[in-house]
Structure formats: C-alpha cells, structure tokens
PDB file of N, CA and C in Angstrom:
ATOM      1  N   MET A   1       0.868  -1.175   0.000  1.00  0.00           N
ATOM      2  CA  MET A   1       0.000   0.000   0.000  1.00  0.00           C
ATOM      3  C   MET A   1       0.903   1.223   0.000  1.00  0.00           C
ATOM      4  N   THR A   2       0.657   2.105  -0.926  1.00  0.00           N
ATOM      5  CA  THR A   2       1.476   3.313  -1.021  1.00  0.00           C
ATOM      6  C   THR A   2       0.953   4.373  -0.077  1.00  0.00           C
ATOM      7  N   TRP A   3       1.777   5.384   0.114  1.00  0.00           N
ATOM      8  CA  TRP A   3       1.404   6.461   1.018  1.00  0.00           C
ATOM      9  C   TRP A   3       0.158   7.192   0.506  1.00  0.00           C
ATOM     10  N   CYS A   4       0.032   7.381  -0.810  1.00  0.00           N
ATOM     11  CA  CYS A   4      -1.122   8.080  -1.387  1.00  0.00           C
ATOM     12  C   CYS A   4      -2.412   7.306  -1.150  1.00  0.00           C
ATOM     13  N   SER A   5      -2.353   6.010  -1.331  1.00  0.00           N
ATOM     14  CA  SER A   5      -3.579   5.223  -1.133  1.00  0.00           C
ATOM     15  C   SER A   5      -3.976   5.184   0.344  1.00  0.00           C
ATOM     16  N   MET A   6      -3.002   5.224   1.249  1.00  0.00           N
ATOM     17  CA  MET A   6      -3.318   5.271   2.677  1.00  0.00           C
ATOM     18  C   MET A   6      -3.993   6.592   3.025  1.00  0.00           C
ATOM     19  N   GLU A   7      -3.487   7.669   2.434  1.00  0.00           N
ATOM     20  CA  GLU A   7      -4.064   8.991   2.698  1.00  0.00           C
ATOM     21  C   GLU A   7      -5.510   9.065   2.192  1.00  0.00           C
ATOM     22  N   GLN A   8      -5.761   8.498   1.022  1.00  0.00           N
ATOM     23  CA  GLN A   8      -7.112   8.511   0.462  1.00  0.00           C
ATOM     24  C   GLN A   8      -8.051   7.646   1.298  1.00  0.00           C
ATOM     25  N   SER A   9      -7.584   6.521   1.798  1.00  0.00           N
ATOM     26  CA  SER A   9      -8.459   5.628   2.551  1.00  0.00           C
ATOM     27  C   SER A   9      -8.881   6.247   3.883  1.00  0.00           C
ATOM     28  N   LYS A  10      -8.085   7.134   4.455  1.00  0.00           N
ATOM     29  CA  LYS A  10      -8.459   7.794   5.705  1.00  0.00           C
ATOM     30  C   LYS A  10      -9.618   8.763   5.483  1.00  0.00           C
ATOM     31  N   ASP A  11      -9.643   9.416   4.326  1.00  0.00           N
ATOM     32  CA  ASP A  11     -10.662  10.411   4.037  1.00  0.00           C
ATOM     33  C   ASP A  11     -11.987   9.797   3.624  1.00  0.00           C
ATOM     34  N   LYS A  12     -11.968   8.623   3.065  1.00  0.00           N
ATOM     35  CA  LYS A  12     -13.195   8.004   2.559  1.00  0.00           C
ATOM     36  C   LYS A  12     -13.994   7.379   3.682  1.00  0.00           C
ATOM     37  N   LYS A  13     -15.304   7.416   3.522  1.00  0.00           N
ATOM     38  CA  LYS A  13     -16.177   6.704   4.447  1.00  0.00           C
ATOM     39  C   LYS A  13     -16.205   5.243   4.033  1.00  0.00           C
ATOM     40  N   PRO A  14     -16.467   4.336   4.958  1.00  0.00           N
ATOM     41  CA  PRO A  14     -16.551   2.924   4.585  1.00  0.00           C
ATOM     42  C   PRO A  14     -17.705   2.674   3.614  1.00  0.00           C
ATOM     43  N   ARG A  15     -17.485   1.760   2.715  1.00  0.00           N
ATOM     44  CA  ARG A  15     -18.510   1.432   1.724  1.00  0.00           C
ATOM     45  C   ARG A  15     -19.574   0.538   2.320  1.00  0.00           C
ATOM     46  N   GLY A  16     -20.752   0.578   1.732  1.00  0.00           N
ATOM     47  CA  GLY A  16     -21.825  -0.328   2.138  1.00  0.00           C
ATOM     48  C   GLY A  16     -22.640   0.204   3.290  1.00  0.00           C
ATOM     49  N   ARG A  17     -23.571  -0.612   3.741  1.00  0.00           N
ATOM     50  CA  ARG A  17     -24.440  -0.234   4.857  1.00  0.00           C
ATOM     51  C   ARG A  17     -23.667  -0.345   6.163  1.00  0.00           C
ATOM     52  N   ARG A  18     -23.986   0.515   7.093  1.00  0.00           N
ATOM     53  CA  ARG A  18     -23.295   0.443   8.381  1.00  0.00           C
ATOM     54  C   ARG A  18     -23.829  -0.751   9.174  1.00  0.00           C
ATOM     55  N   PRO A  19     -22.961  -1.397   9.901  1.00  0.00           N
ATOM     56  CA  PRO A  19     -23.388  -2.586  10.651  1.00  0.00           C
ATOM     57  C   PRO A  19     -24.217  -2.209  11.878  1.00  0.00           C
ATOM     58  N   LEU A  20     -25.135  -3.073  12.242  1.00  0.00           N
ATOM     59  CA  LEU A  20     -25.897  -2.924  13.466  1.00  0.00           C
ATOM     60  C   LEU A  20     -25.360  -3.932  14.468  1.00  0.00           C
ATOM     61  N   HIS A  21     -25.208  -3.527  15.689  1.00  0.00           N
ATOM     62  CA  HIS A  21     -24.695  -4.385  16.760  1.00  0.00           C
ATOM     63  C   HIS A  21     -23.298  -4.903  16.451  1.00  0.00           C
ATOM     64  N   GLY A  22     -22.504  -4.104  15.744  1.00  0.00           N
ATOM     65  CA  GLY A  22     -21.109  -4.443  15.518  1.00  0.00           C
ATOM     66  C   GLY A  22     -20.817  -5.438  14.415  1.00  0.00           C
ATOM     67  N   GLN A  23     -21.841  -5.975  13.776  1.00  0.00           N
ATOM     68  CA  GLN A  23     -21.604  -6.967  12.730  1.00  0.00           C
ATOM     69  C   GLN A  23     -22.548  -6.686  11.566  1.00  0.00           C
ATOM     70  N   ALA A  24     -22.012  -6.792  10.361  1.00  0.00           N
ATOM     71  CA  ALA A  24     -22.826  -6.536   9.174  1.00  0.00           C
ATOM     72  C   ALA A  24     -23.910  -7.598   9.040  1.00  0.00           C
ATOM     73  N   MET A  25     -25.117  -7.154   8.602  1.00  0.00           N
ATOM     74  CA  MET A  25     -26.226  -8.086   8.400  1.00  0.00           C
ATOM     75  C   MET A  25     -26.285  -8.485   6.930  1.00  0.00           C
ATOM     76  N   SER A  26     -26.793  -9.660   6.690  1.00  0.00           N
ATOM     77  CA  SER A  26     -27.005 -10.086   5.308  1.00  0.00           C
ATOM     78  C   SER A  26     -28.250  -9.373   4.772  1.00  0.00           C
ATOM     79  N   VAL A  27     -28.458  -9.442   3.487  1.00  0.00           N
ATOM     80  CA  VAL A  27     -29.629  -8.820   2.863  1.00  0.00           C
ATOM     81  C   VAL A  27     -30.914  -9.420   3.437  1.00  0.00           C
ATOM     82  N   ALA A  28     -30.939 -10.731   3.615  1.00  0.00           N
ATOM     83  CA  ALA A  28     -32.130 -11.398   4.158  1.00  0.00           C
ATOM     84  C   ALA A  28     -32.404 -10.953   5.595  1.00  0.00           C
ATOM     85  N   GLU A  29     -31.347 -10.802   6.384  1.00  0.00           N
ATOM     86  CA  GLU A  29     -31.526 -10.340   7.768  1.00  0.00           C
ATOM     87  C   GLU A  29     -32.064  -8.919   7.806  1.00  0.00           C
ATOM     88  N   ARG A  30     -31.558  -8.061   6.927  1.00  0.00           N
ATOM     89  CA  ARG A  30     -32.053  -6.683   6.869  1.00  0.00           C
ATOM     90  C   ARG A  30     -33.529  -6.642   6.473  1.00  0.00           C
ATOM     91  N   LYS A  31     -33.918  -7.430   5.487  1.00  0.00           N
ATOM     92  CA  LYS A  31     -35.308  -7.455   5.041  1.00  0.00           C
ATOM     93  C   LYS A  31     -36.210  -7.975   6.152  1.00  0.00           C
ATOM     94  N   ARG A  32     -35.779  -9.024   6.846  1.00  0.00           N
ATOM     95  CA  ARG A  32     -36.536  -9.570   7.961  1.00  0.00           C
ATOM     96  C   ARG A  32     -36.729  -8.510   9.047  1.00  0.00           C
ATOM     97  N   ARG A  33     -35.674  -7.768   9.346  1.00  0.00           N
ATOM     98  CA  ARG A  33     -35.745  -6.693  10.353  1.00  0.00           C
ATOM     99  C   ARG A  33     -36.674  -5.587   9.881  1.00  0.00           C
ATOM    100  N   SER A  34     -36.596  -5.241   8.597  1.00  0.00           N
ATOM    101  CA  SER A  34     -37.450  -4.190   8.040  1.00  0.00           C
ATOM    102  C   SER A  34     -38.924  -4.566   8.143  1.00  0.00           C
ATOM    103  N   ARG A  35     -39.251  -5.810   7.798  1.00  0.00           N
ATOM    104  CA  ARG A  35     -40.650  -6.259   7.882  1.00  0.00           C
ATOM    105  C   ARG A  35     -41.145  -6.277   9.328  1.00  0.00           C
ATOM    106  N   ALA A  36     -40.291  -6.714  10.242  1.00  0.00           N
ATOM    107  CA  ALA A  36     -40.674  -6.746  11.654  1.00  0.00           C
ATOM    108  C   ALA A  36     -40.922  -5.327  12.173  1.00  0.00           C
ATOM    109  N   LEU A  37     -40.087  -4.379  11.772  1.00  0.00           N
ATOM    110  CA  LEU A  37     -40.278  -2.990  12.197  1.00  0.00           C
ATOM    111  C   LEU A  37     -41.549  -2.396  11.611  1.00  0.00           C
ATOM    112  N   GLN A  38     -41.884  -2.754  10.359  1.00  0.00           N
ATOM    113  CA  GLN A  38     -43.124  -2.273   9.741  1.00  0.00           C
ATOM    114  C   GLN A  38     -44.330  -2.730  10.549  1.00  0.00           C
ATOM    115  N   ILE A  39     -44.333  -4.000  10.922  1.00  0.00           N
ATOM    116  CA  ILE A  39     -45.458  -4.548  11.682  1.00  0.00           C
ATOM    117  C   ILE A  39     -45.520  -3.901  13.063  1.00  0.00           C
ATOM    118  N   LYS A  40     -44.360  -3.724  13.689  1.00  0.00           N
ATOM    119  CA  LYS A  40     -44.319  -3.102  15.014  1.00  0.00           C
ATOM    120  C   LYS A  40     -44.874  -1.678  14.958  1.00  0.00           C
ATOM    121  N   ARG A  41     -44.451  -0.904  13.956  1.00  0.00           N
ATOM    122  CA  ARG A  41     -44.937   0.477  13.830  1.00  0.00           C
ATOM    123  C   ARG A  41     -46.431   0.512  13.552  1.00  0.00           C
ATOM    124  N   ALA A  42     -46.914  -0.395  12.725  1.00  0.00           N
ATOM    125  CA  ALA A  42     -48.335  -0.415  12.377  1.00  0.00           C
ATOM    126  C   ALA A  42     -49.198  -0.825  13.558  1.00  0.00           C
ATOM    127  N   THR A  43     -48.683  -1.700  14.413  1.00  0.00           N
ATOM    128  CA  THR A  43     -49.472  -2.103  15.581  1.00  0.00           C
ATOM    129  C   THR A  43     -49.457  -1.034  16.659  1.00  0.00           C
ATOM    130  N   GLN A  44     -48.429  -0.205  16.681  1.00  0.00           N
ATOM    131  CA  GLN A  44     -48.385   0.892  17.646  1.00  0.00           C
ATOM    132  C   GLN A  44     -49.277   2.042  17.201  1.00  0.00           C
ATOM    133  N   ASN A  45     -49.332   2.286  15.898  1.00  0.00           N
ATOM    134  CA  ASN A  45     -50.153   3.357  15.345  1.00  0.00           C
ATOM    135  C   ASN A  45     -51.183   2.702  14.433  1.00  0.00           C
ATOM    136  N   HIS A  46     -52.429   2.639  14.862  1.00  0.00           N
ATOM    137  CA  HIS A  46     -53.452   1.910  14.123  1.00  0.00           C
ATOM    138  C   HIS A  46     -53.909   2.632  12.861  1.00  0.00           C
ATOM    139  N   GLN A  47     -53.391   3.829  12.609  1.00  0.00           N
ATOM    140  CA  GLN A  47     -53.713   4.516  11.359  1.00  0.00           C
ATOM    141  C   GLN A  47     -52.897   3.938  10.204  1.00  0.00           C
ATOM    142  N   LEU A  48     -51.784   3.297  10.509  1.00  0.00           N
ATOM    143  CA  LEU A  48     -50.956   2.682   9.475  1.00  0.00           C
ATOM    144  C   LEU A  48     -51.510   1.318   9.113  1.00  0.00           C
ATOM    145  N   ARG A  49     -51.306   0.912   7.893  1.00  0.00           N
ATOM    146  CA  ARG A  49     -51.767  -0.402   7.446  1.00  0.00           C
ATOM    147  C   ARG A  49     -50.708  -1.450   7.750  1.00  0.00           C
ATOM    148  N   LEU A  50     -51.176  -2.619   8.122  1.00  0.00           N
ATOM    149  CA  LEU A  50     -50.257  -3.734   8.299  1.00  0.00           C
ATOM    150  C   LEU A  50     -49.819  -4.233   6.924  1.00  0.00           C
ATOM    151  N   PRO A  51     -48.550  -4.484   6.729  1.00  0.00           N
ATOM    152  CA  PRO A  51     -48.075  -4.952   5.427  1.00  0.00           C
ATOM    153  C   PRO A  51     -48.302  -6.448   5.234  1.00  0.00           C
ATOM    154  N   LYS A  52     -49.548  -6.851   5.240  1.00  0.00           N
ATOM    155  CA  LYS A  52     -49.884  -8.261   5.056  1.00  0.00           C
ATOM    156  C   LYS A  52     -50.879  -8.386   3.919  1.00  0.00           C
ATOM    157  N   ALA A  53     -50.749  -9.449   3.159  1.00  0.00           N
ATOM    158  CA  ALA A  53     -51.676  -9.705   2.068  1.00  0.00           C
ATOM    159  C   ALA A  53     -52.818 -10.575   2.571  1.00  0.00           C
ATOM    160  N   LEU A  54     -53.993 -10.332   2.039  1.00  0.00           N
ATOM    161  CA  LEU A  54     -55.160 -11.141   2.367  1.00  0.00           C
ATOM    162  C   LEU A  54     -55.543 -11.916   1.113  1.00  0.00           C
ATOM    163  N   SER A  55     -55.590 -13.205   1.237  1.00  0.00           N
ATOM    164  CA  SER A  55     -55.915 -14.036   0.097  1.00  0.00           C
ATOM    165  C   SER A  55     -57.151 -14.866   0.419  1.00  0.00           C
ATOM    166  N   VAL A  56     -58.202 -14.661  -0.358  1.00  0.00           N
ATOM    167  CA  VAL A  56     -59.423 -15.438  -0.184  1.00  0.00           C
ATOM    168  C   VAL A  56     -59.929 -15.859  -1.556  1.00  0.00           C
ATOM    169  N   GLU A  57     -60.695 -16.922  -1.566  1.00  0.00           N
ATOM    170  CA  GLU A  57     -61.312 -17.366  -2.813  1.00  0.00           C
ATOM    171  C   GLU A  57     -62.815 -17.172  -2.706  1.00  0.00           C
ATOM    172  N   ILE A  58     -63.388 -16.511  -3.704  1.00  0.00           N
ATOM    173  CA  ILE A  58     -64.838 -16.323  -3.749  1.00  0.00           C
ATOM    174  C   ILE A  58     -65.318 -16.713  -5.134  1.00  0.00           C
ATOM    175  N   ASP A  59     -66.595 -17.050  -5.229  1.00  0.00           N
ATOM    176  CA  ASP A  59     -67.114 -17.437  -6.540  1.00  0.00           C
ATOM    177  C   ASP A  59     -67.350 -16.184  -7.387  1.00  0.00           C
ATOM    178  N   ALA A  60     -67.572 -16.396  -8.657  1.00  0.00           N
ATOM    179  CA  ALA A  60     -67.684 -15.296  -9.613  1.00  0.00           C
ATOM    180  C   ALA A  60     -68.861 -14.369  -9.307  1.00  0.00           C
ATOM    181  N   SER A  61     -69.994 -14.914  -8.872  1.00  0.00           N
ATOM    182  CA  SER A  61     -71.160 -14.072  -8.618  1.00  0.00           C
ATOM    183  C   SER A  61     -70.926 -13.153  -7.421  1.00  0.00           C
ATOM    184  N   LEU A  62     -70.299 -13.673  -6.369  1.00  0.00           N
ATOM    185  CA  LEU A  62     -69.994 -12.835  -5.208  1.00  0.00           C
ATOM    186  C   LEU A  62     -68.969 -11.762  -5.571  1.00  0.00           C
ATOM    187  N   HIS A  63     -68.007 -12.139  -6.390  1.00  0.00           N
ATOM    188  CA  HIS A  63     -67.007 -11.166  -6.827  1.00  0.00           C
ATOM    189  C   HIS A  63     -67.659 -10.037  -7.623  1.00  0.00           C
ATOM    190  N   GLN A  64     -68.581 -10.386  -8.487  1.00  0.00           N
ATOM    191  CA  GLN A  64     -69.273  -9.367  -9.277  1.00  0.00           C
ATOM    192  C   GLN A  64     -70.104  -8.456  -8.368  1.00  0.00           C
ATOM    193  N   LYS A  65     -70.793  -9.035  -7.375  1.00  0.00           N
ATOM    194  CA  LYS A  65     -71.571  -8.221  -6.430  1.00  0.00           C
ATOM    195  C   LYS A  65     -70.662  -7.269  -5.657  1.00  0.00           C
ATOM    196  N   PHE A  66     -69.515  -7.768  -5.244  1.00  0.00           N
ATOM    197  CA  PHE A  66     -68.569  -6.947  -4.491  1.00  0.00           C
ATOM    198  C   PHE A  66     -68.038  -5.802  -5.351  1.00  0.00           C
ATOM    199  N   ARG A  67     -67.702  -6.100  -6.600  1.00  0.00           N
ATOM    200  CA  ARG A  67     -67.220  -5.047  -7.509  1.00  0.00           C
ATOM    201  C   ARG A  67     -68.294  -3.998  -7.746  1.00  0.00           C
ATOM    202  N   THR A  68     -69.544  -4.435  -7.916  1.00  0.00           N
ATOM    203  CA  THR A  68     -70.658  -3.505  -8.102  1.00  0.00           C
ATOM    204  C   THR A  68     -70.834  -2.634  -6.868  1.00  0.00           C
ATOM    205  N   TYR A  69     -70.753  -3.240  -5.687  1.00  0.00           N
ATOM    206  CA  TYR A  69     -70.860  -2.496  -4.433  1.00  0.00           C
ATOM    207  C   TYR A  69     -69.764  -1.426  -4.349  1.00  0.00           C
ATOM    208  N   CYS A  70     -68.544  -1.808  -4.675  1.00  0.00           N
ATOM    209  CA  CYS A  70     -67.422  -0.863  -4.631  1.00  0.00           C
ATOM    210  C   CYS A  70     -67.642   0.303  -5.595  1.00  0.00           C
ATOM    211  N   GLN A  71     -68.128   0.003  -6.780  1.00  0.00           N
ATOM    212  CA  GLN A  71     -68.369   1.056  -7.769  1.00  0.00           C
ATOM    213  C   GLN A  71     -69.495   1.976  -7.323  1.00  0.00           C
ATOM    214  N   GLN A  72     -70.579   1.423  -6.779  1.00  0.00           N
ATOM    215  CA  GLN A  72     -71.704   2.237  -6.329  1.00  0.00           C
ATOM    216  C   GLN A  72     -71.315   3.139  -5.164  1.00  0.00           C
ATOM    217  N   GLN A  73     -70.506   2.613  -4.257  1.00  0.00           N
ATOM    218  CA  GLN A  73     -70.078   3.376  -3.079  1.00  0.00           C
ATOM    219  C   GLN A  73     -68.854   4.255  -3.364  1.00  0.00           C
ATOM    220  N   GLN A  74     -68.295   4.101  -4.554  1.00  0.00           N
ATOM    221  CA  GLN A  74     -67.072   4.797  -4.963  1.00  0.00           C
ATOM    222  C   GLN A  74     -65.939   4.556  -3.950  1.00  0.00           C
ATOM    223  N   LEU A  75     -65.724   3.279  -3.669  1.00  0.00           N
ATOM    224  CA  LEU A  75     -64.694   2.857  -2.730  1.00  0.00           C
ATOM    225  C   LEU A  75     -63.720   1.910  -3.424  1.00  0.00           C
ATOM    226  N   THR A  76     -62.507   1.883  -2.913  1.00  0.00           N
ATOM    227  CA  THR A  76     -61.590   0.838  -3.367  1.00  0.00           C
ATOM    228  C   THR A  76     -62.004  -0.454  -2.679  1.00  0.00           C
ATOM    229  N   GLN A  77     -61.480  -1.568  -3.146  1.00  0.00           N
ATOM    230  CA  GLN A  77     -61.834  -2.841  -2.529  1.00  0.00           C
ATOM    231  C   GLN A  77     -61.361  -2.892  -1.075  1.00  0.00           C
ATOM    232  N   ALA A  78     -60.204  -2.332  -0.794  1.00  0.00           N
ATOM    233  CA  ALA A  78     -59.705  -2.315   0.582  1.00  0.00           C
ATOM    234  C   ALA A  78     -60.621  -1.479   1.475  1.00  0.00           C
ATOM    235  N   GLU A  79     -61.041  -0.318   0.993  1.00  0.00           N
ATOM    236  CA  GLU A  79     -61.939   0.543   1.766  1.00  0.00           C
ATOM    237  C   GLU A  79     -63.287  -0.144   2.005  1.00  0.00           C
ATOM    238  N   ALA A  80     -63.791  -0.824   0.976  1.00  0.00           N
ATOM    239  CA  ALA A  80     -65.075  -1.515   1.105  1.00  0.00           C
ATOM    240  C   ALA A  80     -64.979  -2.635   2.140  1.00  0.00           C
ATOM    241  N   LEU A  81     -63.884  -3.396   2.115  1.00  0.00           N
ATOM    242  CA  LEU A  81     -63.705  -4.455   3.105  1.00  0.00           C
ATOM    243  C   LEU A  81     -63.625  -3.883   4.517  1.00  0.00           C
ATOM    244  N   GLU A  82     -62.912  -2.767   4.670  1.00  0.00           N
ATOM    245  CA  GLU A  82     -62.825  -2.128   5.992  1.00  0.00           C
ATOM    246  C   GLU A  82     -64.207  -1.697   6.477  1.00  0.00           C
ATOM    247  N   LYS A  83     -65.011  -1.145   5.563  1.00  0.00           N
ATOM    248  CA  LYS A  83     -66.351  -0.691   5.919  1.00  0.00           C
ATOM    249  C   LYS A  83     -67.236  -1.883   6.325  1.00  0.00           C
ATOM    250  N   ILE A  84     -67.170  -2.945   5.566  1.00  0.00           N
ATOM    251  CA  ILE A  84     -67.964  -4.139   5.865  1.00  0.00           C
ATOM    252  C   ILE A  84     -67.528  -4.753   7.201  1.00  0.00           C
ATOM    253  N   LEU A  85     -66.229  -4.857   7.417  1.00  0.00           N
ATOM    254  CA  LEU A  85     -65.727  -5.427   8.669  1.00  0.00           C
ATOM    255  C   LEU A  85     -66.081  -4.546   9.864  1.00  0.00           C
ATOM    256  N   ALA A  86     -66.028  -3.246   9.691  1.00  0.00           N
ATOM    257  CA  ALA A  86     -66.397  -2.339  10.784  1.00  0.00           C
ATOM    258  C   ALA A  86     -67.875  -2.524  11.139  1.00  0.00           C
ATOM    259  N   ALA A  87     -68.719  -2.721  10.134  1.00  0.00           N
ATOM    260  CA  ALA A  87     -70.151  -2.947  10.394  1.00  0.00           C
ATOM    261  C   ALA A  87     -70.370  -4.266  11.127  1.00  0.00           C
ATOM    262  N   LEU A  88     -69.571  -5.287  10.805  1.00  0.00           N
ATOM    263  CA  LEU A  88     -69.692  -6.575  11.482  1.00  0.00           C
ATOM    264  C   LEU A  88     -69.241  -6.485  12.934  1.00  0.00           C
ATOM    265  N   VAL A  89     -68.212  -5.730  13.185  1.00  0.00           N
ATOM    266  CA  VAL A  89     -67.675  -5.596  14.545  1.00  0.00           C
ATOM    267  C   VAL A  89     -68.644  -4.837  15.418  1.00  0.00           C
ATOM    268  N   LEU A  90     -69.350  -3.857  14.866  1.00  0.00           N
ATOM    269  CA  LEU A  90     -70.269  -3.036  15.640  1.00  0.00           C
ATOM    270  C   LEU A  90     -71.529  -3.788  16.067  1.00  0.00           C
ATOM    271  N   LYS A  91     -71.855  -4.866  15.369  1.00  0.00           N
ATOM    272  CA  LYS A  91     -73.083  -5.616  15.676  1.00  0.00           C
ATOM    273  C   LYS A  91     -72.988  -6.330  16.990  1.00  0.00           C
TER     274      LYS A  91
END
C-alpha cells in the first residue's frame, strides 16, 4: 500500500451499509428486520396499514356483487372491506 492510497483511505467513508450491533447483516436479515419494524410500527399506530396480504377465494357471482358495491359506493376494494368489517364488529 502506497502512502497516497493510505491517505485517500483515511478520508473516505466505509462502503456499504453500516453494521448494526457491531456486525454486518445479510440482505435477508435486513429485510426480515425491516418487515418486523413495519409490523411493530403499524401495531403501535393503528392509522398505518399492516403490510400483510389477504388471500381469499370467492365465486364469480360474489365477486361481481362486491365489484358492483365498490363502484356504487365509490370505494376501493380495501376501503369496502374495511367498511364491511367495521359494520360486522359493531353488531
């Protein structure tokens, strides 16, 4: 290592993401931590949406009724589901 390269390396910041807890995390570990933090923040503040997918199977006629309901109410499907679930909880 020459003197010039040593001088340049002192001025530069380290490359890559900074390590947490003294050790660099893998990409998978970072993503896992990111998802866990998203869920934690959403459960603390109920105005935020939980980053979870909902998968259900319905028949074609029910799907058409639901789409018609959403269009008549001018709601997105997520908003319509929230409205329907809120009505069920209130009963």
